[in-house]
Amino acid sequence: MTEPEVWLRGPIDGVSPLLQPVAHSLLQSRHELAQAMSDLTAPELRARPGGVASVEYHARHAAGSLDRLSSYARGEQLTAAQLADLASEDVVDPRSDAGARLVKTFDDAVERALRQLRETPVDALVEPRAVGRSRLPSTVIGLLVHSAEHTQRHVGQLMTTARIVKGARGVRRAGDAE
């Protein structure tokens, strides 16, 4: 029998009951991302079947977005480093260990987000926050929940792309040489 999904494993230590769904979602995303990327080759990380975004892009974007949304939830605007990371999310990492680096980057982003969840006082959840250069309105809880659902969305897309890429292994195209 496989282990149940994270949300069915009980509470996450130190996280408010109101923020448990966010923590569960992020931990589930971490598990699914690592599993989907576990045996991808460097070319498979970069593959864009049908023109969709690559696994590499989704992993990098999910980690970067999580950090950016966490900054907004703390009431901060983005740093120059975060803006530079955003601008380079679609740049290919040519290193052979790019997959392991991406998994580590995502793990680190999830750990920082979990630390922030543990440190967020419940009475701060409805505090207003400004998002982006346009300073669009949100709240602490709005940003934390969005960070979880946005992360899940990209990890889901990553998983689908990874399955397509893995499914293409060994499949010959019509006209390929024997």
N, C-alpha and C. Protein backbone atom coordinates (compact mmCIF):
# COMPACT_ATOMS: atom_id res chain seq x y z
N MET A 1 0.84 -1.19 0.00
CA MET A 1 0.00 0.00 0.00
C MET A 1 0.88 1.24 0.00
N THR A 2 0.51 2.21 -0.81
CA THR A 2 1.28 3.45 -0.85
C THR A 2 0.81 4.38 0.27
N GLU A 3 1.67 5.29 0.60
CA GLU A 3 1.35 6.26 1.64
C GLU A 3 0.23 7.19 1.16
N PRO A 4 -0.68 7.60 2.05
CA PRO A 4 -1.74 8.51 1.62
C PRO A 4 -1.18 9.88 1.25
N GLU A 5 -1.98 10.63 0.51
CA GLU A 5 -1.56 12.00 0.17
C GLU A 5 -1.29 12.77 1.46
N VAL A 6 -0.48 13.81 1.33
CA VAL A 6 -0.01 14.56 2.50
C VAL A 6 -1.17 15.08 3.35
N TRP A 7 -2.22 15.54 2.74
CA TRP A 7 -3.32 16.13 3.52
C TRP A 7 -4.01 15.10 4.41
N LEU A 8 -3.80 13.81 4.16
CA LEU A 8 -4.40 12.76 4.96
C LEU A 8 -3.43 12.17 5.99
N ARG A 9 -2.26 12.76 6.12
CA ARG A 9 -1.25 12.25 7.05
C ARG A 9 -1.25 12.96 8.39
N GLY A 10 -2.11 13.94 8.56
CA GLY A 10 -2.17 14.66 9.82
C GLY A 10 -1.55 16.03 9.73
N PRO A 11 -1.62 16.76 10.84
CA PRO A 11 -1.13 18.14 10.84
C PRO A 11 0.38 18.23 10.71
N ILE A 12 0.81 19.35 10.17
CA ILE A 12 2.23 19.68 10.03
C ILE A 12 2.64 20.46 11.28
N ASP A 13 3.63 19.98 11.98
CA ASP A 13 4.07 20.60 13.22
C ASP A 13 4.35 22.08 13.06
N GLY A 14 3.82 22.86 14.00
CA GLY A 14 4.10 24.28 14.06
C GLY A 14 3.30 25.15 13.11
N VAL A 15 2.45 24.54 12.28
CA VAL A 15 1.65 25.31 11.33
C VAL A 15 0.24 25.45 11.89
N SER A 16 -0.27 26.68 11.88
CA SER A 16 -1.62 26.95 12.36
C SER A 16 -2.64 26.08 11.63
N PRO A 17 -3.68 25.63 12.32
CA PRO A 17 -4.73 24.86 11.64
C PRO A 17 -5.30 25.58 10.42
N LEU A 18 -5.35 26.91 10.46
CA LEU A 18 -5.88 27.66 9.33
C LEU A 18 -4.96 27.60 8.10
N LEU A 19 -3.68 27.31 8.32
CA LEU A 19 -2.72 27.26 7.22
C LEU A 19 -2.30 25.84 6.87
N GLN A 20 -2.87 24.84 7.53
CA GLN A 20 -2.54 23.45 7.23
C GLN A 20 -2.77 23.11 5.75
N PRO A 21 -3.90 23.54 5.14
CA PRO A 21 -4.08 23.20 3.72
C PRO A 21 -2.97 23.75 2.82
N VAL A 22 -2.44 24.90 3.14
CA VAL A 22 -1.34 25.47 2.36
C VAL A 22 -0.10 24.59 2.53
N ALA A 23 0.21 24.22 3.77
CA ALA A 23 1.38 23.38 4.03
C ALA A 23 1.23 22.02 3.35
N HIS A 24 0.05 21.42 3.48
CA HIS A 24 -0.18 20.12 2.85
C HIS A 24 0.01 20.20 1.34
N SER A 25 -0.52 21.23 0.74
CA SER A 25 -0.42 21.40 -0.70
C SER A 25 1.03 21.53 -1.15
N LEU A 26 1.81 22.33 -0.43
CA LEU A 26 3.20 22.52 -0.80
C LEU A 26 4.01 21.24 -0.63
N LEU A 27 3.74 20.50 0.44
CA LEU A 27 4.46 19.23 0.65
C LEU A 27 4.08 18.19 -0.39
N GLN A 28 2.80 18.16 -0.78
CA GLN A 28 2.37 17.24 -1.84
C GLN A 28 3.04 17.61 -3.16
N SER A 29 3.10 18.91 -3.43
CA SER A 29 3.76 19.37 -4.66
C SER A 29 5.23 18.97 -4.67
N ARG A 30 5.89 19.10 -3.52
CA ARG A 30 7.31 18.72 -3.44
C ARG A 30 7.48 17.24 -3.75
N HIS A 31 6.64 16.41 -3.18
CA HIS A 31 6.71 14.97 -3.42
C HIS A 31 6.49 14.66 -4.90
N GLU A 32 5.46 15.25 -5.50
CA GLU A 32 5.11 14.95 -6.88
C GLU A 32 6.16 15.46 -7.86
N LEU A 33 6.72 16.63 -7.59
CA LEU A 33 7.76 17.16 -8.47
C LEU A 33 8.98 16.23 -8.45
N ALA A 34 9.43 15.85 -7.27
CA ALA A 34 10.61 14.98 -7.17
C ALA A 34 10.36 13.65 -7.87
N GLN A 35 9.18 13.10 -7.69
CA GLN A 35 8.85 11.82 -8.32
C GLN A 35 8.83 11.95 -9.84
N ALA A 36 8.20 13.00 -10.35
CA ALA A 36 8.08 13.18 -11.80
C ALA A 36 9.43 13.41 -12.46
N MET A 37 10.35 14.05 -11.74
CA MET A 37 11.64 14.42 -12.32
C MET A 37 12.73 13.38 -12.05
N SER A 38 12.42 12.35 -11.29
CA SER A 38 13.45 11.44 -10.78
C SER A 38 14.30 10.79 -11.85
N ASP A 39 13.76 10.47 -12.99
CA ASP A 39 14.55 9.76 -13.99
C ASP A 39 14.59 10.46 -15.35
N LEU A 40 14.35 11.75 -15.36
CA LEU A 40 14.42 12.49 -16.62
C LEU A 40 15.87 12.80 -16.98
N THR A 41 16.19 12.67 -18.24
CA THR A 41 17.50 13.07 -18.73
C THR A 41 17.51 14.58 -18.96
N ALA A 42 18.68 15.14 -19.12
CA ALA A 42 18.78 16.59 -19.37
C ALA A 42 17.99 17.00 -20.61
N PRO A 43 18.08 16.28 -21.74
CA PRO A 43 17.26 16.67 -22.89
C PRO A 43 15.75 16.55 -22.61
N GLU A 44 15.37 15.57 -21.81
CA GLU A 44 13.94 15.43 -21.48
C GLU A 44 13.45 16.58 -20.60
N LEU A 45 14.31 17.10 -19.74
CA LEU A 45 13.95 18.27 -18.93
C LEU A 45 13.59 19.45 -19.80
N ARG A 46 14.26 19.57 -20.93
CA ARG A 46 14.11 20.73 -21.81
C ARG A 46 13.09 20.51 -22.92
N ALA A 47 12.61 19.28 -23.07
CA ALA A 47 11.68 18.97 -24.16
C ALA A 47 10.40 19.79 -24.04
N ARG A 48 9.87 20.15 -25.21
CA ARG A 48 8.64 20.95 -25.26
C ARG A 48 7.67 20.27 -26.23
N PRO A 49 7.13 19.10 -25.85
CA PRO A 49 6.24 18.38 -26.76
C PRO A 49 5.00 19.21 -27.10
N GLY A 50 4.76 19.34 -28.39
CA GLY A 50 3.61 20.13 -28.83
C GLY A 50 3.74 21.61 -28.54
N GLY A 51 4.96 22.05 -28.18
CA GLY A 51 5.18 23.47 -27.90
C GLY A 51 4.86 23.90 -26.48
N VAL A 52 4.54 22.96 -25.60
CA VAL A 52 4.23 23.33 -24.21
C VAL A 52 5.51 23.72 -23.48
N ALA A 53 5.36 24.33 -22.34
CA ALA A 53 6.52 24.68 -21.53
C ALA A 53 7.21 23.41 -21.03
N SER A 54 8.51 23.48 -20.87
CA SER A 54 9.30 22.33 -20.47
C SER A 54 9.15 22.03 -18.98
N VAL A 55 9.53 20.83 -18.60
CA VAL A 55 9.59 20.45 -17.18
C VAL A 55 10.52 21.41 -16.45
N GLU A 56 11.66 21.69 -17.06
CA GLU A 56 12.64 22.61 -16.46
C GLU A 56 12.00 23.96 -16.15
N TYR A 57 11.25 24.51 -17.11
CA TYR A 57 10.60 25.80 -16.88
C TYR A 57 9.61 25.72 -15.71
N HIS A 58 8.76 24.71 -15.71
CA HIS A 58 7.75 24.61 -14.64
C HIS A 58 8.39 24.48 -13.27
N ALA A 59 9.46 23.71 -13.16
CA ALA A 59 10.13 23.56 -11.87
C ALA A 59 10.73 24.88 -11.41
N ARG A 60 11.40 25.56 -12.32
CA ARG A 60 12.02 26.84 -11.98
C ARG A 60 10.96 27.89 -11.65
N HIS A 61 9.90 27.93 -12.45
CA HIS A 61 8.84 28.93 -12.22
C HIS A 61 8.10 28.66 -10.90
N ALA A 62 7.83 27.39 -10.60
CA ALA A 62 7.12 27.07 -9.36
C ALA A 62 7.94 27.53 -8.15
N ALA A 63 9.23 27.27 -8.15
CA ALA A 63 10.08 27.69 -7.04
C ALA A 63 10.17 29.21 -6.95
N GLY A 64 10.38 29.85 -8.08
CA GLY A 64 10.51 31.31 -8.08
C GLY A 64 9.22 32.01 -7.68
N SER A 65 8.10 31.53 -8.18
CA SER A 65 6.81 32.12 -7.84
C SER A 65 6.51 31.97 -6.36
N LEU A 66 6.85 30.82 -5.82
CA LEU A 66 6.64 30.60 -4.39
C LEU A 66 7.42 31.62 -3.57
N ASP A 67 8.65 31.86 -3.95
CA ASP A 67 9.45 32.88 -3.25
C ASP A 67 8.86 34.28 -3.42
N ARG A 68 8.44 34.60 -4.64
CA ARG A 68 7.90 35.94 -4.88
C ARG A 68 6.59 36.16 -4.12
N LEU A 69 5.71 35.19 -4.16
CA LEU A 69 4.43 35.33 -3.45
C LEU A 69 4.65 35.40 -1.94
N SER A 70 5.64 34.67 -1.45
CA SER A 70 5.98 34.73 -0.03
C SER A 70 6.46 36.12 0.35
N SER A 71 7.24 36.75 -0.52
CA SER A 71 7.70 38.12 -0.26
C SER A 71 6.52 39.06 -0.13
N TYR A 72 5.59 38.97 -1.07
CA TYR A 72 4.41 39.82 -1.00
C TYR A 72 3.62 39.56 0.28
N ALA A 73 3.51 38.31 0.69
CA ALA A 73 2.77 37.98 1.92
C ALA A 73 3.43 38.60 3.15
N ARG A 74 4.75 38.75 3.10
CA ARG A 74 5.47 39.41 4.21
C ARG A 74 5.37 40.93 4.13
N GLY A 75 4.76 41.44 3.08
CA GLY A 75 4.63 42.89 2.92
C GLY A 75 5.81 43.51 2.21
N GLU A 76 6.62 42.68 1.54
CA GLU A 76 7.82 43.17 0.84
C GLU A 76 7.55 43.24 -0.66
N GLN A 77 8.30 44.09 -1.32
CA GLN A 77 8.30 44.09 -2.77
C GLN A 77 9.46 43.21 -3.22
N LEU A 78 9.52 42.90 -4.49
CA LEU A 78 10.54 41.98 -4.98
C LEU A 78 11.92 42.62 -5.00
N THR A 79 12.92 41.80 -4.75
CA THR A 79 14.31 42.25 -4.78
C THR A 79 14.82 42.21 -6.23
N ALA A 80 15.95 42.83 -6.45
CA ALA A 80 16.57 42.78 -7.77
C ALA A 80 16.90 41.33 -8.15
N ALA A 81 17.33 40.52 -7.19
CA ALA A 81 17.65 39.12 -7.47
C ALA A 81 16.39 38.35 -7.88
N GLN A 82 15.28 38.61 -7.23
CA GLN A 82 14.03 37.93 -7.60
C GLN A 82 13.58 38.35 -8.99
N LEU A 83 13.72 39.60 -9.31
CA LEU A 83 13.35 40.07 -10.65
C LEU A 83 14.25 39.46 -11.72
N ALA A 84 15.54 39.32 -11.39
CA ALA A 84 16.47 38.68 -12.34
C ALA A 84 16.12 37.21 -12.52
N ASP A 85 15.77 36.53 -11.42
CA ASP A 85 15.35 35.13 -11.52
C ASP A 85 14.11 34.99 -12.38
N LEU A 86 13.16 35.89 -12.20
CA LEU A 86 11.93 35.87 -13.00
C LEU A 86 12.26 36.02 -14.49
N ALA A 87 13.15 36.93 -14.79
CA ALA A 87 13.51 37.17 -16.20
C ALA A 87 14.25 36.00 -16.83
N SER A 88 14.84 35.13 -16.01
CA SER A 88 15.63 34.04 -16.56
C SER A 88 14.96 32.66 -16.39
N GLU A 89 13.70 32.63 -16.06
CA GLU A 89 13.04 31.35 -15.82
C GLU A 89 13.01 30.44 -17.04
N ASP A 90 13.04 31.01 -18.22
CA ASP A 90 12.98 30.17 -19.41
C ASP A 90 14.36 29.90 -20.03
N VAL A 91 15.42 30.26 -19.32
CA VAL A 91 16.78 30.00 -19.80
C VAL A 91 17.13 28.55 -19.48
N VAL A 92 17.68 27.85 -20.45
CA VAL A 92 18.04 26.45 -20.30
C VAL A 92 19.32 26.32 -19.48
N ASP A 93 19.32 25.39 -18.52
CA ASP A 93 20.51 25.08 -17.74
C ASP A 93 21.24 23.94 -18.44
N PRO A 94 22.41 24.18 -19.01
CA PRO A 94 23.10 23.15 -19.81
C PRO A 94 23.80 22.08 -18.97
N ARG A 95 23.87 22.25 -17.66
CA ARG A 95 24.60 21.29 -16.84
C ARG A 95 23.90 19.94 -16.80
N SER A 96 24.68 18.90 -16.71
CA SER A 96 24.13 17.54 -16.72
C SER A 96 23.32 17.24 -15.47
N ASP A 97 23.58 17.96 -14.38
CA ASP A 97 22.84 17.73 -13.13
C ASP A 97 21.73 18.77 -12.93
N ALA A 98 21.24 19.34 -14.02
CA ALA A 98 20.22 20.38 -13.93
C ALA A 98 18.98 19.89 -13.20
N GLY A 99 18.57 18.64 -13.44
CA GLY A 99 17.38 18.11 -12.79
C GLY A 99 17.53 18.07 -11.28
N ALA A 100 18.65 17.56 -10.81
CA ALA A 100 18.89 17.50 -9.36
C ALA A 100 18.95 18.90 -8.76
N ARG A 101 19.54 19.83 -9.49
CA ARG A 101 19.61 21.22 -9.02
C ARG A 101 18.20 21.83 -8.91
N LEU A 102 17.36 21.54 -9.89
CA LEU A 102 15.99 22.07 -9.86
C LEU A 102 15.19 21.48 -8.71
N VAL A 103 15.33 20.19 -8.47
CA VAL A 103 14.62 19.57 -7.34
C VAL A 103 15.09 20.21 -6.04
N LYS A 104 16.39 20.42 -5.89
CA LYS A 104 16.92 21.07 -4.68
C LYS A 104 16.42 22.49 -4.55
N THR A 105 16.40 23.24 -5.63
CA THR A 105 15.90 24.61 -5.60
C THR A 105 14.44 24.64 -5.16
N PHE A 106 13.65 23.72 -5.70
CA PHE A 106 12.23 23.66 -5.33
C PHE A 106 12.08 23.25 -3.86
N ASP A 107 12.84 22.24 -3.43
CA ASP A 107 12.80 21.82 -2.01
C ASP A 107 13.10 23.00 -1.09
N ASP A 108 14.14 23.75 -1.43
CA ASP A 108 14.52 24.90 -0.60
C ASP A 108 13.41 25.95 -0.56
N ALA A 109 12.76 26.19 -1.69
CA ALA A 109 11.66 27.16 -1.73
C ALA A 109 10.50 26.69 -0.85
N VAL A 110 10.20 25.41 -0.90
CA VAL A 110 9.12 24.87 -0.06
C VAL A 110 9.50 24.99 1.41
N GLU A 111 10.73 24.69 1.76
CA GLU A 111 11.16 24.82 3.16
C GLU A 111 11.05 26.25 3.66
N ARG A 112 11.44 27.21 2.83
CA ARG A 112 11.30 28.63 3.23
C ARG A 112 9.83 28.99 3.41
N ALA A 113 8.98 28.50 2.50
CA ALA A 113 7.55 28.79 2.61
C ALA A 113 6.95 28.17 3.87
N LEU A 114 7.36 26.95 4.19
CA LEU A 114 6.87 26.30 5.42
C LEU A 114 7.32 27.06 6.66
N ARG A 115 8.55 27.53 6.64
CA ARG A 115 9.05 28.33 7.77
C ARG A 115 8.20 29.59 7.92
N GLN A 116 7.87 30.21 6.78
CA GLN A 116 7.05 31.41 6.83
C GLN A 116 5.65 31.09 7.36
N LEU A 117 5.08 29.96 6.95
CA LEU A 117 3.76 29.56 7.47
C LEU A 117 3.81 29.42 8.98
N ARG A 118 4.86 28.81 9.50
CA ARG A 118 5.00 28.61 10.95
C ARG A 118 5.13 29.94 11.68
N GLU A 119 5.73 30.93 11.02
CA GLU A 119 5.99 32.23 11.64
C GLU A 119 4.86 33.24 11.43
N THR A 120 3.85 32.89 10.64
CA THR A 120 2.78 33.82 10.34
C THR A 120 1.73 33.76 11.44
N PRO A 121 1.53 34.87 12.18
CA PRO A 121 0.50 34.87 13.22
C PRO A 121 -0.89 34.83 12.59
N VAL A 122 -1.78 34.10 13.23
CA VAL A 122 -3.15 33.97 12.72
C VAL A 122 -3.82 35.33 12.57
N ASP A 123 -3.57 36.24 13.49
CA ASP A 123 -4.23 37.54 13.41
C ASP A 123 -3.70 38.40 12.27
N ALA A 124 -2.64 37.98 11.61
CA ALA A 124 -2.11 38.72 10.47
C ALA A 124 -2.72 38.27 9.14
N LEU A 125 -3.47 37.17 9.15
CA LEU A 125 -3.94 36.57 7.90
C LEU A 125 -4.82 37.50 7.06
N VAL A 126 -5.57 38.37 7.69
CA VAL A 126 -6.46 39.25 6.93
C VAL A 126 -5.84 40.63 6.66
N GLU A 127 -4.58 40.80 7.04
CA GLU A 127 -3.91 42.07 6.77
C GLU A 127 -3.77 42.29 5.26
N PRO A 128 -3.99 43.52 4.81
CA PRO A 128 -3.86 43.79 3.38
C PRO A 128 -2.40 43.75 2.93
N ARG A 129 -2.22 43.33 1.69
CA ARG A 129 -0.90 43.30 1.06
C ARG A 129 -1.03 43.80 -0.37
N ALA A 130 0.04 44.41 -0.84
CA ALA A 130 0.08 44.93 -2.21
C ALA A 130 0.93 43.99 -3.07
N VAL A 131 0.46 43.72 -4.28
CA VAL A 131 1.13 42.77 -5.16
C VAL A 131 1.62 43.47 -6.42
N GLY A 132 2.92 43.33 -6.68
CA GLY A 132 3.49 43.81 -7.93
C GLY A 132 3.69 45.30 -7.98
N ARG A 133 4.18 45.71 -9.14
CA ARG A 133 4.43 47.14 -9.35
C ARG A 133 3.14 47.95 -9.33
N SER A 134 2.05 47.31 -9.74
CA SER A 134 0.76 47.99 -9.73
C SER A 134 0.13 48.01 -8.35
N ARG A 135 0.76 47.28 -7.42
CA ARG A 135 0.30 47.23 -6.02
C ARG A 135 -1.16 46.81 -5.93
N LEU A 136 -1.47 45.72 -6.63
CA LEU A 136 -2.84 45.19 -6.61
C LEU A 136 -3.17 44.65 -5.23
N PRO A 137 -4.44 44.76 -4.83
CA PRO A 137 -4.80 44.41 -3.45
C PRO A 137 -4.94 42.90 -3.22
N SER A 138 -4.44 42.47 -2.09
CA SER A 138 -4.62 41.10 -1.63
C SER A 138 -4.53 41.11 -0.11
N THR A 139 -4.44 39.93 0.47
CA THR A 139 -4.25 39.79 1.92
C THR A 139 -3.17 38.74 2.14
N VAL A 140 -2.71 38.62 3.37
CA VAL A 140 -1.71 37.62 3.69
C VAL A 140 -2.25 36.24 3.34
N ILE A 141 -3.45 35.91 3.80
CA ILE A 141 -3.99 34.58 3.51
C ILE A 141 -4.26 34.39 2.02
N GLY A 142 -4.68 35.44 1.35
CA GLY A 142 -4.90 35.34 -0.09
C GLY A 142 -3.62 34.97 -0.82
N LEU A 143 -2.52 35.58 -0.43
CA LEU A 143 -1.23 35.29 -1.06
C LEU A 143 -0.73 33.89 -0.71
N LEU A 144 -0.91 33.49 0.54
CA LEU A 144 -0.45 32.16 0.94
C LEU A 144 -1.24 31.06 0.24
N VAL A 145 -2.55 31.23 0.17
CA VAL A 145 -3.38 30.23 -0.52
C VAL A 145 -3.05 30.23 -2.01
N HIS A 146 -2.89 31.41 -2.59
CA HIS A 146 -2.56 31.46 -4.01
C HIS A 146 -1.19 30.83 -4.27
N SER A 147 -0.25 31.01 -3.36
CA SER A 147 1.07 30.40 -3.56
C SER A 147 0.94 28.88 -3.63
N ALA A 148 0.07 28.30 -2.85
CA ALA A 148 -0.13 26.85 -2.87
C ALA A 148 -0.82 26.41 -4.16
N GLU A 149 -1.89 27.09 -4.54
CA GLU A 149 -2.61 26.65 -5.74
C GLU A 149 -1.80 26.92 -7.01
N HIS A 150 -1.04 27.99 -7.04
CA HIS A 150 -0.20 28.28 -8.19
C HIS A 150 0.92 27.24 -8.31
N THR A 151 1.49 26.87 -7.19
CA THR A 151 2.52 25.83 -7.18
C THR A 151 1.94 24.52 -7.68
N GLN A 152 0.76 24.15 -7.17
CA GLN A 152 0.12 22.91 -7.61
C GLN A 152 -0.15 22.93 -9.10
N ARG A 153 -0.59 24.05 -9.62
CA ARG A 153 -0.90 24.15 -11.04
C ARG A 153 0.34 23.85 -11.88
N HIS A 154 1.47 24.47 -11.52
CA HIS A 154 2.68 24.25 -12.31
C HIS A 154 3.26 22.86 -12.11
N VAL A 155 3.16 22.32 -10.92
CA VAL A 155 3.64 20.95 -10.70
C VAL A 155 2.77 19.98 -11.49
N GLY A 156 1.47 20.23 -11.56
CA GLY A 156 0.59 19.39 -12.38
C GLY A 156 0.98 19.44 -13.85
N GLN A 157 1.27 20.63 -14.35
CA GLN A 157 1.70 20.75 -15.74
C GLN A 157 3.04 20.07 -15.94
N LEU A 158 3.94 20.20 -14.98
CA LEU A 158 5.24 19.54 -15.04
C LEU A 158 5.05 18.03 -15.11
N MET A 159 4.16 17.49 -14.27
CA MET A 159 3.93 16.05 -14.24
C MET A 159 3.38 15.55 -15.58
N THR A 160 2.47 16.30 -16.16
CA THR A 160 1.90 15.90 -17.45
C THR A 160 2.97 15.92 -18.53
N THR A 161 3.76 16.98 -18.58
CA THR A 161 4.81 17.06 -19.58
C THR A 161 5.83 15.93 -19.39
N ALA A 162 6.18 15.67 -18.14
CA ALA A 162 7.13 14.59 -17.86
C ALA A 162 6.58 13.24 -18.33
N ARG A 163 5.31 12.98 -18.13
CA ARG A 163 4.72 11.71 -18.58
C ARG A 163 4.74 11.61 -20.10
N ILE A 164 4.46 12.70 -20.78
CA ILE A 164 4.49 12.69 -22.25
C ILE A 164 5.91 12.43 -22.73
N VAL A 165 6.87 13.12 -22.14
CA VAL A 165 8.27 12.96 -22.53
C VAL A 165 8.73 11.52 -22.25
N LYS A 166 8.40 10.99 -21.10
CA LYS A 166 8.79 9.61 -20.77
C LYS A 166 8.11 8.62 -21.71
N GLY A 167 6.87 8.91 -22.08
CA GLY A 167 6.14 8.03 -22.98
C GLY A 167 6.73 8.00 -24.37
N ALA A 168 7.45 9.04 -24.73
CA ALA A 168 8.06 9.11 -26.06
C ALA A 168 9.38 8.36 -26.13
N ARG A 169 9.87 7.87 -25.01
CA ARG A 169 11.13 7.13 -25.01
C ARG A 169 11.01 5.90 -25.90
N GLY A 170 11.94 5.76 -26.79
CA GLY A 170 11.97 4.57 -27.64
C GLY A 170 10.95 4.57 -28.75
N VAL A 171 10.12 5.57 -28.83
CA VAL A 171 9.14 5.64 -29.92
C VAL A 171 9.82 6.25 -31.12
N ARG A 172 9.77 5.57 -32.22
CA ARG A 172 10.38 6.08 -33.45
C ARG A 172 9.36 6.87 -34.24
N ARG A 173 9.83 7.90 -34.85
CA ARG A 173 8.98 8.67 -35.75
C ARG A 173 8.96 8.01 -37.10
N ALA A 174 7.88 8.17 -37.80
CA ALA A 174 7.78 7.62 -39.16
C ALA A 174 8.92 8.18 -39.99
N GLY A 175 9.62 7.31 -40.68
CA GLY A 175 10.73 7.75 -41.54
C GLY A 175 12.08 7.68 -40.88
N ASP A 176 12.13 7.43 -39.52
CA ASP A 176 13.43 7.28 -38.87
C ASP A 176 14.14 6.05 -39.43
N ALA A 177 15.43 6.13 -39.49
CA ALA A 177 16.23 4.99 -39.99
C ALA A 177 16.13 3.82 -39.03
N GLU A 178 16.18 2.63 -39.59
CA GLU A 178 16.11 1.41 -38.78
C GLU A 178 17.41 1.18 -38.06
